[in-house]
């Protein structure tokens, strides 16, 4: 249910409200099929702003998104990803008509596409419309 067009049609406006104007400050994986994204207004002390975390789980049998305000990164078995996109501001969140995917467009030509296609779910990073990173 969470991977259909009609559910995403309600989720995307909420993501727009929470993410537009924030910067991607951290992206990492602690599990083979999970990607954690941390968005903040800027780098610095954490006491003055709220972070937004998106956990994208793209398992072969199940895929989902989890949005939260806090997350603790493990000290071991954690790999940093998407470092070229760090400190990029989210300009828009786009939901594609009749599709089970959406994208985060950043200010410096990067686009992060979330394809929620059941067993073929994936997250793809584009730089100037050229794919540069596939998560799965």
C-alpha atoms as a PDB file:
ATOM      1  CA  UNK A   1       0.000   0.000   0.000  1.00  0.00           C
ATOM      2  CA  UNK A   2       2.766   2.489   0.851  1.00  0.00           C
ATOM      3  CA  UNK A   3       4.279   2.029  -2.611  1.00  0.00           C
ATOM      4  CA  UNK A   4       1.338   3.093  -4.712  1.00  0.00           C
ATOM      5  CA  UNK A   5       0.710   6.365  -6.485  1.00  0.00           C
ATOM      6  CA  UNK A   6      -2.256   7.362  -4.317  1.00  0.00           C
ATOM      7  CA  UNK A   7      -0.346   7.006  -1.062  1.00  0.00           C
ATOM      8  CA  UNK A   8       2.607   8.980  -2.441  1.00  0.00           C
ATOM      9  CA  UNK A   9       0.201  11.676  -3.599  1.00  0.00           C
ATOM     10  CA  UNK A  10      -0.498  12.388   0.093  1.00  0.00           C
ATOM     11  CA  UNK A  11       3.061  11.846   1.322  1.00  0.00           C
ATOM     12  CA  UNK A  12       4.848  14.179  -1.107  1.00  0.00           C
ATOM     13  CA  UNK A  13       3.162  17.435   0.097  1.00  0.00           C
ATOM     14  CA  UNK A  14       4.281  16.577   3.641  1.00  0.00           C
ATOM     15  CA  UNK A  15       7.824  15.937   2.434  1.00  0.00           C
ATOM     16  CA  UNK A  16       7.778  19.247   0.547  1.00  0.00           C
ATOM     17  CA  UNK A  17       6.759  21.095   3.687  1.00  0.00           C
ATOM     18  CA  UNK A  18       9.525  19.481   5.770  1.00  0.00           C
ATOM     19  CA  UNK A  19      12.421  19.312   3.277  1.00  0.00           C
ATOM     20  CA  UNK A  20      12.396  22.326   0.958  1.00  0.00           C
ATOM     21  CA  UNK A  21      15.137  24.712   2.025  1.00  0.00           C
ATOM     22  CA  UNK A  22      17.029  22.134   4.093  1.00  0.00           C
ATOM     23  CA  UNK A  23      20.486  20.828   3.237  1.00  0.00           C
ATOM     24  CA  UNK A  24      21.575  17.228   2.946  1.00  0.00           C
ATOM     25  CA  UNK A  25      24.274  17.005   5.607  1.00  0.00           C
ATOM     26  CA  UNK A  26      24.705  13.271   5.923  1.00  0.00           C
ATOM     27  CA  UNK A  27      23.915  10.108   3.962  1.00  0.00           C
ATOM     28  CA  UNK A  28      24.959   6.703   5.187  1.00  0.00           C
ATOM     29  CA  UNK A  29      24.071   3.046   5.229  1.00  0.00           C
ATOM     30  CA  UNK A  30      24.173   0.694   8.190  1.00  0.00           C
ATOM     31  CA  UNK A  31      22.541  -2.188   6.352  1.00  0.00           C
ATOM     32  CA  UNK A  32      22.888  -3.466   2.810  1.00  0.00           C
ATOM     33  CA  UNK A  33      19.447  -2.294   1.708  1.00  0.00           C
ATOM     34  CA  UNK A  34      18.898   0.786   3.890  1.00  0.00           C
ATOM     35  CA  UNK A  35      19.887   4.371   3.192  1.00  0.00           C
ATOM     36  CA  UNK A  36      19.690   7.076   5.858  1.00  0.00           C
ATOM     37  CA  UNK A  37      19.508  10.717   4.784  1.00  0.00           C
ATOM     38  CA  UNK A  38      19.896  13.614   7.240  1.00  0.00           C
ATOM     39  CA  UNK A  39      18.577  17.064   6.322  1.00  0.00           C
ATOM     40  CA  UNK A  40      19.298  20.203   8.365  1.00  0.00           C
ATOM     41  CA  UNK A  41      19.133  23.973   7.772  1.00  0.00           C
ATOM     42  CA  UNK A  42      22.948  24.143   8.037  1.00  0.00           C
ATOM     43  CA  UNK A  43      25.927  22.477   9.625  1.00  0.00           C
ATOM     44  CA  UNK A  44      26.809  23.508  13.160  1.00  0.00           C
ATOM     45  CA  UNK A  45      25.431  23.069  16.632  1.00  0.00           C
ATOM     46  CA  UNK A  46      22.390  20.849  16.829  1.00  0.00           C
ATOM     47  CA  UNK A  47      20.623  22.796  19.559  1.00  0.00           C
ATOM     48  CA  UNK A  48      19.120  25.506  17.321  1.00  0.00           C
ATOM     49  CA  UNK A  49      17.404  23.458  14.629  1.00  0.00           C
ATOM     50  CA  UNK A  50      15.541  20.252  14.002  1.00  0.00           C
ATOM     51  CA  UNK A  51      16.985  17.571  11.823  1.00  0.00           C
ATOM     52  CA  UNK A  52      14.839  15.495   9.502  1.00  0.00           C
ATOM     53  CA  UNK A  53      15.882  11.920   8.809  1.00  0.00           C
ATOM     54  CA  UNK A  54      14.597   9.740   6.004  1.00  0.00           C
ATOM     55  CA  UNK A  55      15.259   6.040   6.241  1.00  0.00           C
ATOM     56  CA  UNK A  56      14.744   4.418   2.854  1.00  0.00           C
ATOM     57  CA  UNK A  57      14.551   0.636   3.067  1.00  0.00           C
ATOM     58  CA  UNK A  58      14.656  -1.019  -0.352  1.00  0.00           C
ATOM     59  CA  UNK A  59      14.659  -4.712   0.461  1.00  0.00           C
ATOM     60  CA  UNK A  60      13.896  -7.139  -2.376  1.00  0.00           C
ATOM     61  CA  UNK A  61      10.610  -8.209  -0.745  1.00  0.00           C
ATOM     62  CA  UNK A  62       9.625  -4.911   0.861  1.00  0.00           C
ATOM     63  CA  UNK A  63      10.426  -1.234   0.455  1.00  0.00           C
ATOM     64  CA  UNK A  64       9.358   1.717   2.567  1.00  0.00           C
ATOM     65  CA  UNK A  65      10.248   5.196   3.780  1.00  0.00           C
ATOM     66  CA  UNK A  66      10.435   6.264   7.401  1.00  0.00           C
ATOM     67  CA  UNK A  67      10.619   9.979   8.247  1.00  0.00           C
ATOM     68  CA  UNK A  68      11.712  10.960  11.756  1.00  0.00           C
ATOM     69  CA  UNK A  69      13.239  13.802  13.742  1.00  0.00           C
ATOM     70  CA  UNK A  70      16.015  11.763  15.367  1.00  0.00           C
ATOM     71  CA  UNK A  71      18.283   8.848  14.635  1.00  0.00           C
ATOM     72  CA  UNK A  72      21.452   7.505  16.221  1.00  0.00           C
ATOM     73  CA  UNK A  73      24.171   6.451  13.826  1.00  0.00           C
ATOM     74  CA  UNK A  74      26.054   3.298  14.773  1.00  0.00           C
ATOM     75  CA  UNK A  75      29.744   3.649  15.495  1.00  0.00           C
ATOM     76  CA  UNK A  76      30.534   0.500  13.501  1.00  0.00           C
ATOM     77  CA  UNK A  77      29.317  -0.985  10.244  1.00  0.00           C
ATOM     78  CA  UNK A  78      28.316   2.378   8.857  1.00  0.00           C
ATOM     79  CA  UNK A  79      29.334   3.660   5.427  1.00  0.00           C
ATOM     80  CA  UNK A  80      29.072   7.292   4.298  1.00  0.00           C
ATOM     81  CA  UNK A  81      27.478   7.742   0.877  1.00  0.00           C
ATOM     82  CA  UNK A  82      26.597  10.572  -1.522  1.00  0.00           C
ATOM     83  CA  UNK A  83      29.314  12.861  -0.159  1.00  0.00           C
ATOM     84  CA  UNK A  84      29.328  14.947  -3.340  1.00  0.00           C
ATOM     85  CA  UNK A  85      25.785  16.084  -2.507  1.00  0.00           C
ATOM     86  CA  UNK A  86      26.521  17.173   1.084  1.00  0.00           C
ATOM     87  CA  UNK A  87      25.521  20.768   1.865  1.00  0.00           C
ATOM     88  CA  UNK A  88      23.207  20.869  -1.165  1.00  0.00           C
ATOM     89  CA  UNK A  89      19.861  22.560  -0.586  1.00  0.00           C
ATOM     90  CA  UNK A  90      16.598  20.817  -1.491  1.00  0.00           C
ATOM     91  CA  UNK A  91      14.852  23.090  -3.982  1.00  0.00           C
ATOM     92  CA  UNK A  92      11.863  20.917  -4.823  1.00  0.00           C
ATOM     93  CA  UNK A  93      10.257  17.551  -4.242  1.00  0.00           C
ATOM     94  CA  UNK A  94       8.637  16.212  -7.404  1.00  0.00           C
ATOM     95  CA  UNK A  95       6.027  13.462  -7.615  1.00  0.00           C
ATOM     96  CA  UNK A  96       5.632  12.074 -11.107  1.00  0.00           C
ATOM     97  CA  UNK A  97       2.151  11.679 -12.538  1.00  0.00           C
ATOM     98  CA  UNK A  98       0.805   8.113 -12.150  1.00  0.00           C
ATOM     99  CA  UNK A  99       4.213   6.793 -11.024  1.00  0.00           C
ATOM    100  CA  UNK A 100       5.461   5.195  -7.822  1.00  0.00           C
ATOM    101  CA  UNK A 101       8.522   7.412  -7.669  1.00  0.00           C
ATOM    102  CA  UNK A 102       9.539  10.885  -6.606  1.00  0.00           C
ATOM    103  CA  UNK A 103      12.693  12.959  -6.661  1.00  0.00           C
ATOM    104  CA  UNK A 104      14.514  15.488  -4.527  1.00  0.00           C
ATOM    105  CA  UNK A 105      16.070  18.224  -6.664  1.00  0.00           C
ATOM    106  CA  UNK A 106      19.076  19.978  -5.186  1.00  0.00           C
ATOM    107  CA  UNK A 107      20.441  23.415  -6.054  1.00  0.00           C
ATOM    108  CA  UNK A 108      23.691  22.277  -7.661  1.00  0.00           C
ATOM    109  CA  UNK A 109      22.379  20.025 -10.426  1.00  0.00           C
ATOM    110  CA  UNK A 110      21.910  16.873  -8.340  1.00  0.00           C
ATOM    111  CA  UNK A 111      18.659  14.906  -8.272  1.00  0.00           C
ATOM    112  CA  UNK A 112      17.946  11.978  -5.979  1.00  0.00           C
ATOM    113  CA  UNK A 113      15.276   9.691  -7.461  1.00  0.00           C
ATOM    114  CA  UNK A 114      13.356   7.255  -5.246  1.00  0.00           C
ATOM    115  CA  UNK A 115      11.849   4.423  -7.293  1.00  0.00           C
ATOM    116  CA  UNK A 116       9.401   2.477  -5.113  1.00  0.00           C
ATOM    117  CA  UNK A 117       8.643  -0.355  -7.517  1.00  0.00           C
ATOM    118  CA  UNK A 118       8.153  -3.261  -5.110  1.00  0.00           C
ATOM    119  CA  UNK A 119      10.937  -5.821  -5.509  1.00  0.00           C
ATOM    120  CA  UNK A 120      12.771  -3.542  -7.978  1.00  0.00           C
ATOM    121  CA  UNK A 121      12.953  -0.481  -5.737  1.00  0.00           C
ATOM    122  CA  UNK A 122      16.064   1.651  -5.959  1.00  0.00           C
ATOM    123  CA  UNK A 123      17.526   5.068  -5.229  1.00  0.00           C
ATOM    124  CA  UNK A 124      19.452   6.766  -8.017  1.00  0.00           C
ATOM    125  CA  UNK A 125      21.547   9.920  -7.872  1.00  0.00           C
ATOM    126  CA  UNK A 126      21.705  12.023 -11.036  1.00  0.00           C
ATOM    127  CA  UNK A 127      24.143  14.829 -11.738  1.00  0.00           C
ATOM    128  CA  UNK A 128      22.943  17.082 -14.557  1.00  0.00           C
ATOM    129  CA  UNK A 129      20.555  14.323 -15.692  1.00  0.00           C
ATOM    130  CA  UNK A 130      23.295  11.675 -15.859  1.00  0.00           C
ATOM    131  CA  UNK A 131      23.134   8.761 -13.384  1.00  0.00           C
ATOM    132  CA  UNK A 132      26.198   8.725 -11.111  1.00  0.00           C
ATOM    133  CA  UNK A 133      25.147   6.445  -8.226  1.00  0.00           C
ATOM    134  CA  UNK A 134      22.775   3.492  -7.872  1.00  0.00           C
ATOM    135  CA  UNK A 135      22.032   2.400  -4.332  1.00  0.00           C
ATOM    136  CA  UNK A 136      20.883  -1.143  -5.224  1.00  0.00           C
END
